[in-house]
Amino acid sequence: MTSRKIAEGVVAWAREQIPVLKAGYPHPLAESGDLPDVVVVVQDIRTVKSDPDNFPFAALEQVDGLKEWVIELSIMVPQEEGVGGEDAAQKAVEDFAEALIGSTLADLTLGDRVPMASPFLTASLAEPFEERPDTTSGRRMFANMVIAEPLEFS
């Protein structure tokens, strides 16, 4: 698989899990469109002999190695003014993180969109609100995950 296909697959999976997402992008953006949206960026591509921290499956002992894509997924939600707006935005990013983690644990192929995803994700909910150039305020949630496909050398 290619990096682009991996990113597109993760975008499609996230949009299926979180139907309120209005847009999805398989690449970095300077400025996104309608919120909430999802952006998936392939941070690194690597080949490794094994990766027991991310893929502790016994069956992987039978492969020659792994090709891995380190993914950063971000979802930005609109944030209204005041404490009520802050609370609603925080709840939205928390719910989105839980939905993505739960979906990954239930299906490591993300609905047959990727060869296999690590069951170990990190979701960061600590980002403060940000104001976009169009004066829209939003909260962003970041999730990091690793996707891999087995390698077989001739």
C-alpha atoms as a PDB file:
ATOM      1  CA  MET A   1       0.000   0.000   0.000  1.00  0.00           C
ATOM      2  CA  THR A   2       0.997   3.617  -0.434  1.00  0.00           C
ATOM      3  CA  SER A   3       1.002   6.412   2.113  1.00  0.00           C
ATOM      4  CA  ARG A   4      -1.820   8.136   0.262  1.00  0.00           C
ATOM      5  CA  LYS A   5      -4.017   5.002   0.316  1.00  0.00           C
ATOM      6  CA  ILE A   6      -3.345   4.576   4.032  1.00  0.00           C
ATOM      7  CA  ALA A   7      -4.252   8.220   4.772  1.00  0.00           C
ATOM      8  CA  GLU A   8      -7.376   8.033   2.593  1.00  0.00           C
ATOM      9  CA  GLY A   9      -8.421   4.807   4.328  1.00  0.00           C
ATOM     10  CA  VAL A  10      -8.009   6.337   7.783  1.00  0.00           C
ATOM     11  CA  VAL A  11      -9.997   9.433   6.737  1.00  0.00           C
ATOM     12  CA  ALA A  12     -12.832   7.246   5.374  1.00  0.00           C
ATOM     13  CA  TRP A  13     -12.821   5.127   8.553  1.00  0.00           C
ATOM     14  CA  ALA A  14     -12.914   8.191  10.844  1.00  0.00           C
ATOM     15  CA  ARG A  15     -15.783   9.699   8.848  1.00  0.00           C
ATOM     16  CA  GLU A  16     -17.707   6.433   9.079  1.00  0.00           C
ATOM     17  CA  GLN A  17     -17.194   6.228  12.854  1.00  0.00           C
ATOM     18  CA  ILE A  18     -18.059   9.900  13.394  1.00  0.00           C
ATOM     19  CA  PRO A  19     -20.804  10.767  10.882  1.00  0.00           C
ATOM     20  CA  VAL A  20     -20.995  14.426  11.983  1.00  0.00           C
ATOM     21  CA  LEU A  21     -17.578  15.119  10.419  1.00  0.00           C
ATOM     22  CA  LYS A  22     -18.247  17.497   7.546  1.00  0.00           C
ATOM     23  CA  ALA A  23     -14.914  17.121   5.745  1.00  0.00           C
ATOM     24  CA  GLY A  24     -11.865  14.884   5.682  1.00  0.00           C
ATOM     25  CA  TYR A  25      -8.382  15.470   4.305  1.00  0.00           C
ATOM     26  CA  PRO A  26      -5.594  12.884   3.795  1.00  0.00           C
ATOM     27  CA  HIS A  27      -2.879  15.560   3.935  1.00  0.00           C
ATOM     28  CA  PRO A  28      -1.782  18.552   6.046  1.00  0.00           C
ATOM     29  CA  LEU A  29      -3.814  21.751   5.709  1.00  0.00           C
ATOM     30  CA  ALA A  30      -3.074  25.408   6.147  1.00  0.00           C
ATOM     31  CA  GLU A  31      -6.748  26.106   6.819  1.00  0.00           C
ATOM     32  CA  SER A  32      -9.634  23.660   6.838  1.00  0.00           C
ATOM     33  CA  GLY A  33     -13.232  24.103   5.770  1.00  0.00           C
ATOM     34  CA  ASP A  34     -16.442  23.423   7.664  1.00  0.00           C
ATOM     35  CA  LEU A  35     -16.118  22.061  11.194  1.00  0.00           C
ATOM     36  CA  PRO A  36     -15.980  19.452  12.519  1.00  0.00           C
ATOM     37  CA  ASP A  37     -13.373  18.008  10.175  1.00  0.00           C
ATOM     38  CA  VAL A  38     -10.661  15.368  10.230  1.00  0.00           C
ATOM     39  CA  VAL A  39      -7.101  15.621   8.927  1.00  0.00           C
ATOM     40  CA  VAL A  40      -4.852  12.564   8.587  1.00  0.00           C
ATOM     41  CA  VAL A  41      -1.114  13.023   8.086  1.00  0.00           C
ATOM     42  CA  VAL A  42       1.397  10.242   7.523  1.00  0.00           C
ATOM     43  CA  GLN A  43       4.237  11.371   9.792  1.00  0.00           C
ATOM     44  CA  ASP A  44       6.748   8.617   9.003  1.00  0.00           C
ATOM     45  CA  ILE A  45       7.130   5.533   6.853  1.00  0.00           C
ATOM     46  CA  ARG A  46       9.518   2.876   8.084  1.00  0.00           C
ATOM     47  CA  THR A  47      10.429  -0.753   7.660  1.00  0.00           C
ATOM     48  CA  VAL A  48      11.296  -2.777  10.744  1.00  0.00           C
ATOM     49  CA  LYS A  49      12.136  -6.371  11.550  1.00  0.00           C
ATOM     50  CA  SER A  50       9.456  -6.418  14.229  1.00  0.00           C
ATOM     51  CA  ASP A  51       7.543  -4.041  16.455  1.00  0.00           C
ATOM     52  CA  PRO A  52       6.297  -5.896  19.532  1.00  0.00           C
ATOM     53  CA  ASP A  53       5.345  -2.626  21.244  1.00  0.00           C
ATOM     54  CA  ASN A  54       2.749  -1.835  18.587  1.00  0.00           C
ATOM     55  CA  PHE A  55       2.025  -5.292  17.158  1.00  0.00           C
ATOM     56  CA  PRO A  56       2.409  -7.980  19.842  1.00  0.00           C
ATOM     57  CA  PHE A  57       0.698 -10.685  17.782  1.00  0.00           C
ATOM     58  CA  ALA A  58       2.259 -14.148  17.686  1.00  0.00           C
ATOM     59  CA  ALA A  59       1.436 -14.610  13.984  1.00  0.00           C
ATOM     60  CA  LEU A  60       3.847 -11.802  13.075  1.00  0.00           C
ATOM     61  CA  GLU A  61       6.748 -14.078  13.977  1.00  0.00           C
ATOM     62  CA  GLN A  62       6.149 -15.734  10.584  1.00  0.00           C
ATOM     63  CA  VAL A  63       6.834 -12.576   8.518  1.00  0.00           C
ATOM     64  CA  ASP A  64      10.160 -11.096   7.406  1.00  0.00           C
ATOM     65  CA  GLY A  65       9.344  -7.614   8.668  1.00  0.00           C
ATOM     66  CA  LEU A  66       6.793  -4.819   8.669  1.00  0.00           C
ATOM     67  CA  LYS A  67       6.232  -1.685   6.649  1.00  0.00           C
ATOM     68  CA  GLU A  68       4.763   0.874   9.053  1.00  0.00           C
ATOM     69  CA  TRP A  69       3.059   4.207   8.663  1.00  0.00           C
ATOM     70  CA  VAL A  70       3.014   6.469  11.711  1.00  0.00           C
ATOM     71  CA  ILE A  71      -0.218   8.448  11.526  1.00  0.00           C
ATOM     72  CA  GLU A  72      -1.364  11.651  13.183  1.00  0.00           C
ATOM     73  CA  LEU A  73      -5.107  12.172  12.999  1.00  0.00           C
ATOM     74  CA  SER A  74      -6.654  15.432  14.132  1.00  0.00           C
ATOM     75  CA  ILE A  75     -10.258  16.442  14.501  1.00  0.00           C
ATOM     76  CA  MET A  76     -11.257  20.054  14.972  1.00  0.00           C
ATOM     77  CA  VAL A  77     -14.665  20.964  16.359  1.00  0.00           C
ATOM     78  CA  PRO A  78     -16.239  24.410  16.548  1.00  0.00           C
ATOM     79  CA  GLN A  79     -16.198  26.049  19.960  1.00  0.00           C
ATOM     80  CA  GLU A  80     -18.861  28.541  20.907  1.00  0.00           C
ATOM     81  CA  GLU A  81     -18.274  31.417  23.326  1.00  0.00           C
ATOM     82  CA  GLY A  82     -18.352  30.979  27.087  1.00  0.00           C
ATOM     83  CA  VAL A  83     -18.089  28.086  29.501  1.00  0.00           C
ATOM     84  CA  GLY A  84     -20.965  26.222  27.851  1.00  0.00           C
ATOM     85  CA  GLY A  85     -19.213  26.367  24.468  1.00  0.00           C
ATOM     86  CA  GLU A  86     -15.932  25.227  25.992  1.00  0.00           C
ATOM     87  CA  ASP A  87     -17.648  22.310  27.728  1.00  0.00           C
ATOM     88  CA  ALA A  88     -19.501  21.230  24.566  1.00  0.00           C
ATOM     89  CA  ALA A  89     -16.278  21.292  22.515  1.00  0.00           C
ATOM     90  CA  GLN A  90     -14.418  19.302  25.181  1.00  0.00           C
ATOM     91  CA  LYS A  91     -17.194  16.698  25.327  1.00  0.00           C
ATOM     92  CA  ALA A  92     -17.182  16.394  21.538  1.00  0.00           C
ATOM     93  CA  VAL A  93     -13.441  15.699  21.302  1.00  0.00           C
ATOM     94  CA  GLU A  94     -13.647  13.237  24.220  1.00  0.00           C
ATOM     95  CA  ASP A  95     -16.506  11.371  22.512  1.00  0.00           C
ATOM     96  CA  PHE A  96     -14.649  11.319  19.192  1.00  0.00           C
ATOM     97  CA  ALA A  97     -11.482   9.921  20.823  1.00  0.00           C
ATOM     98  CA  GLU A  98     -13.477   7.188  22.570  1.00  0.00           C
ATOM     99  CA  ALA A  99     -15.284   6.277  19.326  1.00  0.00           C
ATOM    100  CA  LEU A 100     -12.035   5.948  17.382  1.00  0.00           C
ATOM    101  CA  ILE A 101     -10.293   3.928  20.085  1.00  0.00           C
ATOM    102  CA  GLY A 102     -13.284   1.619  20.489  1.00  0.00           C
ATOM    103  CA  SER A 103     -13.588   1.103  16.742  1.00  0.00           C
ATOM    104  CA  THR A 104      -9.891   0.306  16.387  1.00  0.00           C
ATOM    105  CA  LEU A 105     -10.025  -2.265  19.181  1.00  0.00           C
ATOM    106  CA  ALA A 106     -13.074  -3.869  17.561  1.00  0.00           C
ATOM    107  CA  ASP A 107     -11.522  -4.100  14.069  1.00  0.00           C
ATOM    108  CA  LEU A 108      -7.772  -3.723  13.534  1.00  0.00           C
ATOM    109  CA  THR A 109      -8.270  -3.431   9.755  1.00  0.00           C
ATOM    110  CA  LEU A 110     -10.458  -0.325  10.173  1.00  0.00           C
ATOM    111  CA  GLY A 111     -13.192  -1.912   8.088  1.00  0.00           C
ATOM    112  CA  ASP A 112     -10.744  -3.527   5.624  1.00  0.00           C
ATOM    113  CA  ARG A 113      -9.253  -0.122   4.781  1.00  0.00           C
ATOM    114  CA  VAL A 114      -5.745  -0.893   6.068  1.00  0.00           C
ATOM    115  CA  PRO A 115      -3.719  -4.111   6.464  1.00  0.00           C
ATOM    116  CA  MET A 116      -3.620  -3.761  10.270  1.00  0.00           C
ATOM    117  CA  ALA A 117      -3.693  -1.018  12.858  1.00  0.00           C
ATOM    118  CA  SER A 118      -1.963  -1.211  16.182  1.00  0.00           C
ATOM    119  CA  PRO A 119      -4.428  -1.631  19.046  1.00  0.00           C
ATOM    120  CA  PHE A 120      -2.369   0.925  20.973  1.00  0.00           C
ATOM    121  CA  LEU A 121      -3.439   4.493  20.183  1.00  0.00           C
ATOM    122  CA  THR A 122      -2.766   7.770  21.926  1.00  0.00           C
ATOM    123  CA  ALA A 123      -5.430  10.482  21.927  1.00  0.00           C
ATOM    124  CA  SER A 124      -4.501  13.908  23.246  1.00  0.00           C
ATOM    125  CA  LEU A 125      -7.333  16.128  24.464  1.00  0.00           C
ATOM    126  CA  ALA A 126      -5.099  18.823  25.940  1.00  0.00           C
ATOM    127  CA  GLU A 127      -4.996  21.311  23.068  1.00  0.00           C
ATOM    128  CA  PRO A 128      -6.470  24.696  23.974  1.00  0.00           C
ATOM    129  CA  PHE A 129      -8.955  26.362  21.650  1.00  0.00           C
ATOM    130  CA  GLU A 130      -7.553  28.112  18.616  1.00  0.00           C
ATOM    131  CA  GLU A 131      -8.883  30.893  16.472  1.00  0.00           C
ATOM    132  CA  ARG A 132      -8.748  30.485  12.721  1.00  0.00           C
ATOM    133  CA  PRO A 133      -8.067  33.380  10.329  1.00  0.00           C
ATOM    134  CA  ASP A 134     -11.820  33.596   9.614  1.00  0.00           C
ATOM    135  CA  THR A 135     -12.308  34.169  13.413  1.00  0.00           C
ATOM    136  CA  THR A 136     -13.941  30.754  13.931  1.00  0.00           C
ATOM    137  CA  SER A 137     -12.893  29.232  17.253  1.00  0.00           C
ATOM    138  CA  GLY A 138     -12.303  25.514  17.591  1.00  0.00           C
ATOM    139  CA  ARG A 139     -10.836  22.724  19.677  1.00  0.00           C
ATOM    140  CA  ARG A 140      -8.558  20.116  18.189  1.00  0.00           C
ATOM    141  CA  MET A 141      -8.054  16.520  19.275  1.00  0.00           C
ATOM    142  CA  PHE A 142      -4.950  14.652  18.108  1.00  0.00           C
ATOM    143  CA  ALA A 143      -4.627  10.868  17.888  1.00  0.00           C
ATOM    144  CA  ASN A 144      -1.485   8.943  17.024  1.00  0.00           C
ATOM    145  CA  MET A 145      -1.603   5.463  15.594  1.00  0.00           C
ATOM    146  CA  VAL A 146       0.559   3.018  13.666  1.00  0.00           C
ATOM    147  CA  ILE A 147      -0.607   1.115  10.599  1.00  0.00           C
ATOM    148  CA  ALA A 148       1.446  -1.803   9.259  1.00  0.00           C
ATOM    149  CA  GLU A 149       1.584  -4.421   6.557  1.00  0.00           C
ATOM    150  CA  PRO A 150       3.679  -7.576   6.710  1.00  0.00           C
ATOM    151  CA  LEU A 151       6.748  -7.796   4.460  1.00  0.00           C
ATOM    152  CA  GLU A 152       7.986 -10.934   2.780  1.00  0.00           C
ATOM    153  CA  PHE A 153      11.424 -10.901   1.187  1.00  0.00           C
ATOM    154  CA  SER A 154      12.211 -13.175  -1.734  1.00  0.00           C
END
